[in-house]
Amino acid sequence: PAIIEHLRTGDEPLRLAAVRALGDLGTP
């Protein structure tokens, strides 16, 4: 949930990092 918040509000490098991390974590 904390990572998703950065996907919503962060700058481009942070959103990109968030997407990659969420892909690694892979929960629904």
mmCIF file of all heavy atoms, coordinates in Angstrom:
data_MODEL
# 
_entry.id   MODEL 
# 
loop_
_atom_site.group_PDB 
_atom_site.id 
_atom_site.type_symbol 
_atom_site.label_atom_id 
_atom_site.label_alt_id 
_atom_site.label_comp_id 
_atom_site.label_asym_id 
_atom_site.label_entity_id 
_atom_site.label_seq_id 
_atom_site.pdbx_PDB_ins_code 
_atom_site.Cartn_x 
_atom_site.Cartn_y 
_atom_site.Cartn_z 
_atom_site.occupancy 
_atom_site.B_iso_or_equiv 
_atom_site.pdbx_formal_charge 
_atom_site.auth_seq_id 
_atom_site.auth_comp_id 
_atom_site.auth_asym_id 
_atom_site.auth_atom_id 
_atom_site.pdbx_PDB_model_num 
ATOM 1   N N   . PRO A 1 1  ? 0.808  -1.232  0.000   1.00 0.00 ? 1  PRO A N   1 
ATOM 2   C CA  . PRO A 1 1  ? 0.000  0.000   0.000   1.00 0.00 ? 1  PRO A CA  1 
ATOM 3   C C   . PRO A 1 1  ? 0.836  1.276   0.000   1.00 0.00 ? 1  PRO A C   1 
ATOM 4   O O   . PRO A 1 1  ? 0.489  2.251   -0.678  1.00 0.00 ? 1  PRO A O   1 
ATOM 5   C CB  . PRO A 1 1  ? -0.829 -0.125  1.287   1.00 0.00 ? 1  PRO A CB  1 
ATOM 6   C CG  . PRO A 1 1  ? -0.922 -1.605  1.518   1.00 0.00 ? 1  PRO A CG  1 
ATOM 7   C CD  . PRO A 1 1  ? 0.403  -2.143  1.089   1.00 0.00 ? 1  PRO A CD  1 
ATOM 8   N N   . ALA A 1 2  ? 1.936  1.289   0.752   1.00 0.00 ? 2  ALA A N   1 
ATOM 9   C CA  . ALA A 1 2  ? 2.794  2.477   0.786   1.00 0.00 ? 2  ALA A CA  1 
ATOM 10  C C   . ALA A 1 2  ? 3.465  2.705   -0.564  1.00 0.00 ? 2  ALA A C   1 
ATOM 11  O O   . ALA A 1 2  ? 3.626  3.854   -1.006  1.00 0.00 ? 2  ALA A O   1 
ATOM 12  C CB  . ALA A 1 2  ? 3.848  2.320   1.886   1.00 0.00 ? 2  ALA A CB  1 
ATOM 13  N N   . ILE A 1 3  ? 3.846  1.629   -1.229  1.00 0.00 ? 3  ILE A N   1 
ATOM 14  C CA  . ILE A 1 3  ? 4.467  1.754   -2.554  1.00 0.00 ? 3  ILE A CA  1 
ATOM 15  C C   . ILE A 1 3  ? 3.446  2.257   -3.573  1.00 0.00 ? 3  ILE A C   1 
ATOM 16  O O   . ILE A 1 3  ? 3.747  3.106   -4.424  1.00 0.00 ? 3  ILE A O   1 
ATOM 17  C CB  . ILE A 1 3  ? 5.074  0.407   -2.985  1.00 0.00 ? 3  ILE A CB  1 
ATOM 18  C CG1 . ILE A 1 3  ? 6.206  0.025   -2.037  1.00 0.00 ? 3  ILE A CG1 1 
ATOM 19  C CG2 . ILE A 1 3  ? 5.581  0.476   -4.428  1.00 0.00 ? 3  ILE A CG2 1 
ATOM 20  C CD1 . ILE A 1 3  ? 6.756  -1.380  -2.244  1.00 0.00 ? 3  ILE A CD1 1 
ATOM 21  N N   . ILE A 1 4  ? 2.216  1.768   -3.479  1.00 0.00 ? 4  ILE A N   1 
ATOM 22  C CA  . ILE A 1 4  ? 1.161  2.219   -4.395  1.00 0.00 ? 4  ILE A CA  1 
ATOM 23  C C   . ILE A 1 4  ? 0.926  3.714   -4.247  1.00 0.00 ? 4  ILE A C   1 
ATOM 24  O O   . ILE A 1 4  ? 0.667  4.411   -5.242  1.00 0.00 ? 4  ILE A O   1 
ATOM 25  C CB  . ILE A 1 4  ? -0.133 1.425   -4.148  1.00 0.00 ? 4  ILE A CB  1 
ATOM 26  C CG1 . ILE A 1 4  ? 0.041  -0.030  -4.609  1.00 0.00 ? 4  ILE A CG1 1 
ATOM 27  C CG2 . ILE A 1 4  ? -1.320 2.066   -4.866  1.00 0.00 ? 4  ILE A CG2 1 
ATOM 28  C CD1 . ILE A 1 4  ? -1.128 -0.930  -4.270  1.00 0.00 ? 4  ILE A CD1 1 
ATOM 29  N N   . GLU A 1 5  ? 1.022  4.227   -3.060  1.00 0.00 ? 5  GLU A N   1 
ATOM 30  C CA  . GLU A 1 5  ? 0.821  5.662   -2.856  1.00 0.00 ? 5  GLU A CA  1 
ATOM 31  C C   . GLU A 1 5  ? 1.835  6.469   -3.658  1.00 0.00 ? 5  GLU A C   1 
ATOM 32  O O   . GLU A 1 5  ? 1.495  7.502   -4.241  1.00 0.00 ? 5  GLU A O   1 
ATOM 33  C CB  . GLU A 1 5  ? 0.935  5.997   -1.367  1.00 0.00 ? 5  GLU A CB  1 
ATOM 34  C CG  . GLU A 1 5  ? 0.597  7.426   -1.025  1.00 0.00 ? 5  GLU A CG  1 
ATOM 35  C CD  . GLU A 1 5  ? -0.826 7.814   -1.407  1.00 0.00 ? 5  GLU A CD  1 
ATOM 36  O OE1 . GLU A 1 5  ? -1.710 6.933   -1.415  1.00 0.00 ? 5  GLU A OE1 1 
ATOM 37  O OE2 . GLU A 1 5  ? -1.036 9.011   -1.707  1.00 0.00 ? 5  GLU A OE2 1 
ATOM 38  N N   . HIS A 1 6  ? 3.063  5.991   -3.740  1.00 0.00 ? 6  HIS A N   1 
ATOM 39  C CA  . HIS A 1 6  ? 4.072  6.692   -4.541  1.00 0.00 ? 6  HIS A CA  1 
ATOM 40  C C   . HIS A 1 6  ? 3.798  6.542   -6.034  1.00 0.00 ? 6  HIS A C   1 
ATOM 41  O O   . HIS A 1 6  ? 4.130  7.443   -6.818  1.00 0.00 ? 6  HIS A O   1 
ATOM 42  C CB  . HIS A 1 6  ? 5.466  6.187   -4.191  1.00 0.00 ? 6  HIS A CB  1 
ATOM 43  C CG  . HIS A 1 6  ? 5.931  6.612   -2.842  1.00 0.00 ? 6  HIS A CG  1 
ATOM 44  N ND1 . HIS A 1 6  ? 6.116  7.933   -2.499  1.00 0.00 ? 6  HIS A ND1 1 
ATOM 45  C CD2 . HIS A 1 6  ? 6.235  5.892   -1.719  1.00 0.00 ? 6  HIS A CD2 1 
ATOM 46  C CE1 . HIS A 1 6  ? 6.526  8.027   -1.249  1.00 0.00 ? 6  HIS A CE1 1 
ATOM 47  N NE2 . HIS A 1 6  ? 6.603  6.803   -0.747  1.00 0.00 ? 6  HIS A NE2 1 
ATOM 48  N N   . LEU A 1 7  ? 3.188  5.431   -6.428  1.00 0.00 ? 7  LEU A N   1 
ATOM 49  C CA  . LEU A 1 7  ? 2.798  5.275   -7.826  1.00 0.00 ? 7  LEU A CA  1 
ATOM 50  C C   . LEU A 1 7  ? 1.750  6.322   -8.204  1.00 0.00 ? 7  LEU A C   1 
ATOM 51  O O   . LEU A 1 7  ? 1.711  6.797   -9.339  1.00 0.00 ? 7  LEU A O   1 
ATOM 52  C CB  . LEU A 1 7  ? 2.253  3.862   -8.057  1.00 0.00 ? 7  LEU A CB  1 
ATOM 53  C CG  . LEU A 1 7  ? 1.782  3.519   -9.468  1.00 0.00 ? 7  LEU A CG  1 
ATOM 54  C CD1 . LEU A 1 7  ? 2.904  3.674   -10.482 1.00 0.00 ? 7  LEU A CD1 1 
ATOM 55  C CD2 . LEU A 1 7  ? 1.216  2.099   -9.511  1.00 0.00 ? 7  LEU A CD2 1 
ATOM 56  N N   . ARG A 1 8  ? 0.947  6.695   -7.253  1.00 0.00 ? 8  ARG A N   1 
ATOM 57  C CA  . ARG A 1 8  ? -0.113 7.677   -7.509  1.00 0.00 ? 8  ARG A CA  1 
ATOM 58  C C   . ARG A 1 8  ? 0.403  9.110   -7.479  1.00 0.00 ? 8  ARG A C   1 
ATOM 59  O O   . ARG A 1 8  ? -0.102 9.965   -8.213  1.00 0.00 ? 8  ARG A O   1 
ATOM 60  C CB  . ARG A 1 8  ? -1.222 7.531   -6.458  1.00 0.00 ? 8  ARG A CB  1 
ATOM 61  C CG  . ARG A 1 8  ? -2.005 6.236   -6.550  1.00 0.00 ? 8  ARG A CG  1 
ATOM 62  C CD  . ARG A 1 8  ? -2.960 6.099   -5.386  1.00 0.00 ? 8  ARG A CD  1 
ATOM 63  N NE  . ARG A 1 8  ? -3.745 4.869   -5.463  1.00 0.00 ? 8  ARG A NE  1 
ATOM 64  C CZ  . ARG A 1 8  ? -4.220 4.226   -4.404  1.00 0.00 ? 8  ARG A CZ  1 
ATOM 65  N NH1 . ARG A 1 8  ? -3.990 4.688   -3.182  1.00 0.00 ? 8  ARG A NH1 1 
ATOM 66  N NH2 . ARG A 1 8  ? -4.927 3.127   -4.563  1.00 0.00 ? 8  ARG A NH2 1 
ATOM 67  N N   . THR A 1 9  ? 1.387  9.375   -6.624  1.00 0.00 ? 9  THR A N   1 
ATOM 68  C CA  . THR A 1 9  ? 1.732  10.780  -6.348  1.00 0.00 ? 9  THR A CA  1 
ATOM 69  C C   . THR A 1 9  ? 3.185  11.148  -6.624  1.00 0.00 ? 9  THR A C   1 
ATOM 70  O O   . THR A 1 9  ? 3.516  12.335  -6.627  1.00 0.00 ? 9  THR A O   1 
ATOM 71  C CB  . THR A 1 9  ? 1.442  11.101  -4.864  1.00 0.00 ? 9  THR A CB  1 
ATOM 72  O OG1 . THR A 1 9  ? 2.274  10.277  -4.018  1.00 0.00 ? 9  THR A OG1 1 
ATOM 73  C CG2 . THR A 1 9  ? -0.017 10.838  -4.523  1.00 0.00 ? 9  THR A CG2 1 
ATOM 74  N N   . GLY A 1 10 ? 4.057  10.185  -6.868  1.00 0.00 ? 10 GLY A N   1 
ATOM 75  C CA  . GLY A 1 10 ? 5.482  10.473  -7.009  1.00 0.00 ? 10 GLY A CA  1 
ATOM 76  C C   . GLY A 1 10 ? 5.841  11.044  -8.361  1.00 0.00 ? 10 GLY A C   1 
ATOM 77  O O   . GLY A 1 10 ? 5.032  11.093  -9.286  1.00 0.00 ? 10 GLY A O   1 
ATOM 78  N N   . ASP A 1 11 ? 7.102  11.482  -8.487  1.00 0.00 ? 11 ASP A N   1 
ATOM 79  C CA  . ASP A 1 11 ? 7.585  11.929  -9.779  1.00 0.00 ? 11 ASP A CA  1 
ATOM 80  C C   . ASP A 1 11 ? 7.911  10.714  -10.654 1.00 0.00 ? 11 ASP A C   1 
ATOM 81  O O   . ASP A 1 11 ? 7.761  9.559   -10.216 1.00 0.00 ? 11 ASP A O   1 
ATOM 82  C CB  . ASP A 1 11 ? 8.798  12.849  -9.629  1.00 0.00 ? 11 ASP A CB  1 
ATOM 83  C CG  . ASP A 1 11 ? 9.967  12.181  -8.918  1.00 0.00 ? 11 ASP A CG  1 
ATOM 84  O OD1 . ASP A 1 11 ? 9.945  10.941  -8.739  1.00 0.00 ? 11 ASP A OD1 1 
ATOM 85  O OD2 . ASP A 1 11 ? 10.911 12.891  -8.534  1.00 0.00 ? 11 ASP A OD2 1 
ATOM 86  N N   . GLU A 1 12 ? 8.342  10.956  -11.882 1.00 0.00 ? 12 GLU A N   1 
ATOM 87  C CA  . GLU A 1 12 ? 8.521  9.846   -12.822 1.00 0.00 ? 12 GLU A CA  1 
ATOM 88  C C   . GLU A 1 12 ? 9.486  8.773   -12.316 1.00 0.00 ? 12 GLU A C   1 
ATOM 89  O O   . GLU A 1 12 ? 9.151  7.572   -12.361 1.00 0.00 ? 12 GLU A O   1 
ATOM 90  C CB  . GLU A 1 12 ? 8.978  10.365  -14.184 1.00 0.00 ? 12 GLU A CB  1 
ATOM 91  C CG  . GLU A 1 12 ? 9.185  9.258   -15.206 1.00 0.00 ? 12 GLU A CG  1 
ATOM 92  C CD  . GLU A 1 12 ? 9.713  9.766   -16.540 1.00 0.00 ? 12 GLU A CD  1 
ATOM 93  O OE1 . GLU A 1 12 ? 9.896  10.993  -16.682 1.00 0.00 ? 12 GLU A OE1 1 
ATOM 94  O OE2 . GLU A 1 12 ? 9.956  8.950   -17.439 1.00 0.00 ? 12 GLU A OE2 1 
ATOM 95  N N   . PRO A 1 13 ? 10.692 9.111   -11.824 1.00 0.00 ? 13 PRO A N   1 
ATOM 96  C CA  . PRO A 1 13 ? 11.589 8.042   -11.355 1.00 0.00 ? 13 PRO A CA  1 
ATOM 97  C C   . PRO A 1 13 ? 10.986 7.237   -10.206 1.00 0.00 ? 13 PRO A C   1 
ATOM 98  O O   . PRO A 1 13 ? 11.186 6.019   -10.120 1.00 0.00 ? 13 PRO A O   1 
ATOM 99  C CB  . PRO A 1 13 ? 12.840 8.801   -10.911 1.00 0.00 ? 13 PRO A CB  1 
ATOM 100 C CG  . PRO A 1 13 ? 12.800 10.099  -11.649 1.00 0.00 ? 13 PRO A CG  1 
ATOM 101 C CD  . PRO A 1 13 ? 11.347 10.437  -11.765 1.00 0.00 ? 13 PRO A CD  1 
ATOM 102 N N   . LEU A 1 14 ? 10.238 7.911   -9.341  1.00 0.00 ? 14 LEU A N   1 
ATOM 103 C CA  . LEU A 1 14 ? 9.641  7.219   -8.208  1.00 0.00 ? 14 LEU A CA  1 
ATOM 104 C C   . LEU A 1 14 ? 8.496  6.316   -8.661  1.00 0.00 ? 14 LEU A C   1 
ATOM 105 O O   . LEU A 1 14 ? 8.352  5.181   -8.185  1.00 0.00 ? 14 LEU A O   1 
ATOM 106 C CB  . LEU A 1 14 ? 9.149  8.248   -7.190  1.00 0.00 ? 14 LEU A CB  1 
ATOM 107 C CG  . LEU A 1 14 ? 8.756  7.739   -5.799  1.00 0.00 ? 14 LEU A CG  1 
ATOM 108 C CD1 . LEU A 1 14 ? 9.872  6.897   -5.196  1.00 0.00 ? 14 LEU A CD1 1 
ATOM 109 C CD2 . LEU A 1 14 ? 8.424  8.914   -4.887  1.00 0.00 ? 14 LEU A CD2 1 
ATOM 110 N N   . ARG A 1 15 ? 7.697  6.787   -9.609  1.00 0.00 ? 15 ARG A N   1 
ATOM 111 C CA  . ARG A 1 15 ? 6.605  5.954   -10.125 1.00 0.00 ? 15 ARG A CA  1 
ATOM 112 C C   . ARG A 1 15 ? 7.164  4.741   -10.863 1.00 0.00 ? 15 ARG A C   1 
ATOM 113 O O   . ARG A 1 15 ? 6.635  3.636   -10.762 1.00 0.00 ? 15 ARG A O   1 
ATOM 114 C CB  . ARG A 1 15 ? 5.700  6.766   -11.059 1.00 0.00 ? 15 ARG A CB  1 
ATOM 115 C CG  . ARG A 1 15 ? 4.999  7.927   -10.378 1.00 0.00 ? 15 ARG A CG  1 
ATOM 116 C CD  . ARG A 1 15 ? 3.796  8.434   -11.150 1.00 0.00 ? 15 ARG A CD  1 
ATOM 117 N NE  . ARG A 1 15 ? 4.026  8.723   -12.534 1.00 0.00 ? 15 ARG A NE  1 
ATOM 118 C CZ  . ARG A 1 15 ? 4.528  9.856   -13.022 1.00 0.00 ? 15 ARG A CZ  1 
ATOM 119 N NH1 . ARG A 1 15 ? 4.899  10.833  -12.193 1.00 0.00 ? 15 ARG A NH1 1 
ATOM 120 N NH2 . ARG A 1 15 ? 4.698  10.043  -14.321 1.00 0.00 ? 15 ARG A NH2 1 
ATOM 121 N N   . LEU A 1 16 ? 8.256  4.952   -11.582 1.00 0.00 ? 16 LEU A N   1 
ATOM 122 C CA  . LEU A 1 16 ? 8.879  3.836   -12.298 1.00 0.00 ? 16 LEU A CA  1 
ATOM 123 C C   . LEU A 1 16 ? 9.415  2.801   -11.310 1.00 0.00 ? 16 LEU A C   1 
ATOM 124 O O   . LEU A 1 16 ? 9.237  1.592   -11.497 1.00 0.00 ? 16 LEU A O   1 
ATOM 125 C CB  . LEU A 1 16 ? 9.997  4.368   -13.185 1.00 0.00 ? 16 LEU A CB  1 
ATOM 126 C CG  . LEU A 1 16 ? 10.617 3.410   -14.190 1.00 0.00 ? 16 LEU A CG  1 
ATOM 127 C CD1 . LEU A 1 16 ? 9.566  2.801   -15.105 1.00 0.00 ? 16 LEU A CD1 1 
ATOM 128 C CD2 . LEU A 1 16 ? 11.686 4.123   -15.004 1.00 0.00 ? 16 LEU A CD2 1 
ATOM 129 N N   . ALA A 1 17 ? 10.049 3.267   -10.250 1.00 0.00 ? 17 ALA A N   1 
ATOM 130 C CA  . ALA A 1 17 ? 10.541 2.356   -9.210  1.00 0.00 ? 17 ALA A CA  1 
ATOM 131 C C   . ALA A 1 17 ? 9.389  1.614   -8.547  1.00 0.00 ? 17 ALA A C   1 
ATOM 132 O O   . ALA A 1 17 ? 9.486  0.417   -8.245  1.00 0.00 ? 17 ALA A O   1 
ATOM 133 C CB  . ALA A 1 17 ? 11.340 3.139   -8.168  1.00 0.00 ? 17 ALA A CB  1 
ATOM 134 N N   . ALA A 1 18 ? 8.286  2.317   -8.350  1.00 0.00 ? 18 ALA A N   1 
ATOM 135 C CA  . ALA A 1 18 ? 7.121  1.699   -7.720  1.00 0.00 ? 18 ALA A CA  1 
ATOM 136 C C   . ALA A 1 18 ? 6.542  0.595   -8.601  1.00 0.00 ? 18 ALA A C   1 
ATOM 137 O O   . ALA A 1 18 ? 6.208  -0.490  -8.115  1.00 0.00 ? 18 ALA A O   1 
ATOM 138 C CB  . ALA A 1 18 ? 6.067  2.761   -7.422  1.00 0.00 ? 18 ALA A CB  1 
ATOM 139 N N   . VAL A 1 19 ? 6.426  0.852   -9.902  1.00 0.00 ? 19 VAL A N   1 
ATOM 140 C CA  . VAL A 1 19 ? 5.901  -0.161  -10.822 1.00 0.00 ? 19 VAL A CA  1 
ATOM 141 C C   . VAL A 1 19 ? 6.784  -1.401  -10.791 1.00 0.00 ? 19 VAL A C   1 
ATOM 142 O O   . VAL A 1 19 ? 6.288  -2.538  -10.707 1.00 0.00 ? 19 VAL A O   1 
ATOM 143 C CB  . VAL A 1 19 ? 5.807  0.410   -12.257 1.00 0.00 ? 19 VAL A CB  1 
ATOM 144 C CG1 . VAL A 1 19 ? 5.651  -0.715  -13.278 1.00 0.00 ? 19 VAL A CG1 1 
ATOM 145 C CG2 . VAL A 1 19 ? 4.641  1.365   -12.376 1.00 0.00 ? 19 VAL A CG2 1 
ATOM 146 N N   . ARG A 1 20 ? 8.079  -1.210  -10.863 1.00 0.00 ? 20 ARG A N   1 
ATOM 147 C CA  . ARG A 1 20 ? 8.990  -2.362  -10.871 1.00 0.00 ? 20 ARG A CA  1 
ATOM 148 C C   . ARG A 1 20 ? 8.916  -3.145  -9.563  1.00 0.00 ? 20 ARG A C   1 
ATOM 149 O O   . ARG A 1 20 ? 8.935  -4.381  -9.563  1.00 0.00 ? 20 ARG A O   1 
ATOM 150 C CB  . ARG A 1 20 ? 10.411 -1.879  -11.132 1.00 0.00 ? 20 ARG A CB  1 
ATOM 151 C CG  . ARG A 1 20 ? 10.602 -1.372  -12.566 1.00 0.00 ? 20 ARG A CG  1 
ATOM 152 C CD  . ARG A 1 20 ? 11.917 -0.651  -12.742 1.00 0.00 ? 20 ARG A CD  1 
ATOM 153 N NE  . ARG A 1 20 ? 12.110 -0.259  -14.142 1.00 0.00 ? 20 ARG A NE  1 
ATOM 154 C CZ  . ARG A 1 20 ? 13.020 0.617   -14.560 1.00 0.00 ? 20 ARG A CZ  1 
ATOM 155 N NH1 . ARG A 1 20 ? 13.847 1.184   -13.688 1.00 0.00 ? 20 ARG A NH1 1 
ATOM 156 N NH2 . ARG A 1 20 ? 13.124 0.916   -15.839 1.00 0.00 ? 20 ARG A NH2 1 
ATOM 157 N N   . ALA A 1 21 ? 8.827  -2.424  -8.452  1.00 0.00 ? 21 ALA A N   1 
ATOM 158 C CA  . ALA A 1 21 ? 8.727  -3.094  -7.157  1.00 0.00 ? 21 ALA A CA  1 
ATOM 159 C C   . ALA A 1 21 ? 7.419  -3.861  -7.035  1.00 0.00 ? 21 ALA A C   1 
ATOM 160 O O   . ALA A 1 21 ? 7.394  -5.003  -6.552  1.00 0.00 ? 21 ALA A O   1 
ATOM 161 C CB  . ALA A 1 21 ? 8.839  -2.058  -6.034  1.00 0.00 ? 21 ALA A CB  1 
ATOM 162 N N   . LEU A 1 22 ? 6.340  -3.272  -7.484  1.00 0.00 ? 22 LEU A N   1 
ATOM 163 C CA  . LEU A 1 22 ? 5.052  -3.955  -7.430  1.00 0.00 ? 22 LEU A CA  1 
ATOM 164 C C   . LEU A 1 22 ? 5.066  -5.204  -8.302  1.00 0.00 ? 22 LEU A C   1 
ATOM 165 O O   . LEU A 1 22 ? 4.466  -6.226  -7.962  1.00 0.00 ? 22 LEU A O   1 
ATOM 166 C CB  . LEU A 1 22 ? 3.941  -2.998  -7.864  1.00 0.00 ? 22 LEU A CB  1 
ATOM 167 C CG  . LEU A 1 22 ? 3.679  -1.828  -6.901  1.00 0.00 ? 22 LEU A CG  1 
ATOM 168 C CD1 . LEU A 1 22 ? 2.767  -0.792  -7.562  1.00 0.00 ? 22 LEU A CD1 1 
ATOM 169 C CD2 . LEU A 1 22 ? 3.065  -2.316  -5.595  1.00 0.00 ? 22 LEU A CD2 1 
ATOM 170 N N   . GLY A 1 23 ? 5.768  -5.135  -9.435  1.00 0.00 ? 23 GLY A N   1 
ATOM 171 C CA  . GLY A 1 23 ? 5.907  -6.318  -10.275 1.00 0.00 ? 23 GLY A CA  1 
ATOM 172 C C   . GLY A 1 23 ? 6.652  -7.433  -9.567  1.00 0.00 ? 23 GLY A C   1 
ATOM 173 O O   . GLY A 1 23 ? 6.299  -8.609  -9.687  1.00 0.00 ? 23 GLY A O   1 
ATOM 174 N N   . ASP A 1 24 ? 7.680  -7.079  -8.812  1.00 0.00 ? 24 ASP A N   1 
ATOM 175 C CA  . ASP A 1 24 ? 8.433  -8.085  -8.062  1.00 0.00 ? 24 ASP A CA  1 
ATOM 176 C C   . ASP A 1 24 ? 7.597  -8.677  -6.932  1.00 0.00 ? 24 ASP A C   1 
ATOM 177 O O   . ASP A 1 24 ? 7.673  -9.880  -6.658  1.00 0.00 ? 24 ASP A O   1 
ATOM 178 C CB  . ASP A 1 24 ? 9.707  -7.470  -7.488  1.00 0.00 ? 24 ASP A CB  1 
ATOM 179 C CG  . ASP A 1 24 ? 10.754 -7.181  -8.550  1.00 0.00 ? 24 ASP A CG  1 
ATOM 180 O OD1 . ASP A 1 24 ? 10.686 -7.784  -9.635  1.00 0.00 ? 24 ASP A OD1 1 
ATOM 181 O OD2 . ASP A 1 24 ? 11.633 -6.328  -8.295  1.00 0.00 ? 24 ASP A OD2 1 
ATOM 182 N N   . LEU A 1 25 ? 6.805  -7.841  -6.277  1.00 0.00 ? 25 LEU A N   1 
ATOM 183 C CA  . LEU A 1 25 ? 6.015  -8.311  -5.146  1.00 0.00 ? 25 LEU A CA  1 
ATOM 184 C C   . LEU A 1 25 ? 4.834  -9.159  -5.613  1.00 0.00 ? 25 LEU A C   1 
ATOM 185 O O   . LEU A 1 25 ? 4.522  -10.176 -5.005  1.00 0.00 ? 25 LEU A O   1 
ATOM 186 C CB  . LEU A 1 25 ? 5.545  -7.119  -4.309  1.00 0.00 ? 25 LEU A CB  1 
ATOM 187 C CG  . LEU A 1 25 ? 6.686  -6.416  -3.560  1.00 0.00 ? 25 LEU A CG  1 
ATOM 188 C CD1 . LEU A 1 25 ? 6.267  -5.043  -3.062  1.00 0.00 ? 25 LEU A CD1 1 
ATOM 189 C CD2 . LEU A 1 25 ? 7.188  -7.279  -2.409  1.00 0.00 ? 25 LEU A CD2 1 
ATOM 190 N N   . GLY A 1 26 ? 4.171  -8.734  -6.667  1.00 0.00 ? 26 GLY A N   1 
ATOM 191 C CA  . GLY A 1 26 ? 3.223  -9.594  -7.369  1.00 0.00 ? 26 GLY A CA  1 
ATOM 192 C C   . GLY A 1 26 ? 1.956  -9.981  -6.639  1.00 0.00 ? 26 GLY A C   1 
ATOM 193 O O   . GLY A 1 26 ? 1.294  -10.942 -7.054  1.00 0.00 ? 26 GLY A O   1 
ATOM 194 N N   . THR A 1 27 ? 1.577  -9.278  -5.588  1.00 0.00 ? 27 THR A N   1 
ATOM 195 C CA  . THR A 1 27 ? 0.313  -9.590  -4.934  1.00 0.00 ? 27 THR A CA  1 
ATOM 196 C C   . THR A 1 27 ? -0.845 -9.120  -5.813  1.00 0.00 ? 27 THR A C   1 
ATOM 197 O O   . THR A 1 27 ? -0.663 -8.287  -6.704  1.00 0.00 ? 27 THR A O   1 
ATOM 198 C CB  . THR A 1 27 ? 0.214  -8.897  -3.569  1.00 0.00 ? 27 THR A CB  1 
ATOM 199 O OG1 . THR A 1 27 ? 0.142  -7.474  -3.774  1.00 0.00 ? 27 THR A OG1 1 
ATOM 200 C CG2 . THR A 1 27 ? 1.421  -9.228  -2.693  1.00 0.00 ? 27 THR A CG2 1 
ATOM 201 N N   . PRO A 1 28 ? -2.062 -9.628  -5.588  1.00 0.00 ? 28 PRO A N   1 
ATOM 202 C CA  . PRO A 1 28 ? -3.194 -9.145  -6.386  1.00 0.00 ? 28 PRO A CA  1 
ATOM 203 C C   . PRO A 1 28 ? -3.363 -7.627  -6.327  1.00 0.00 ? 28 PRO A C   1 
ATOM 204 O O   . PRO A 1 28 ? -3.655 -6.996  -7.359  1.00 0.00 ? 28 PRO A O   1 
ATOM 205 C CB  . PRO A 1 28 ? -4.391 -9.868  -5.756  1.00 0.00 ? 28 PRO A CB  1 
ATOM 206 C CG  . PRO A 1 28 ? -3.810 -11.130 -5.206  1.00 0.00 ? 28 PRO A CG  1 
ATOM 207 C CD  . PRO A 1 28 ? -2.454 -10.744 -4.697  1.00 0.00 ? 28 PRO A CD  1 
# 
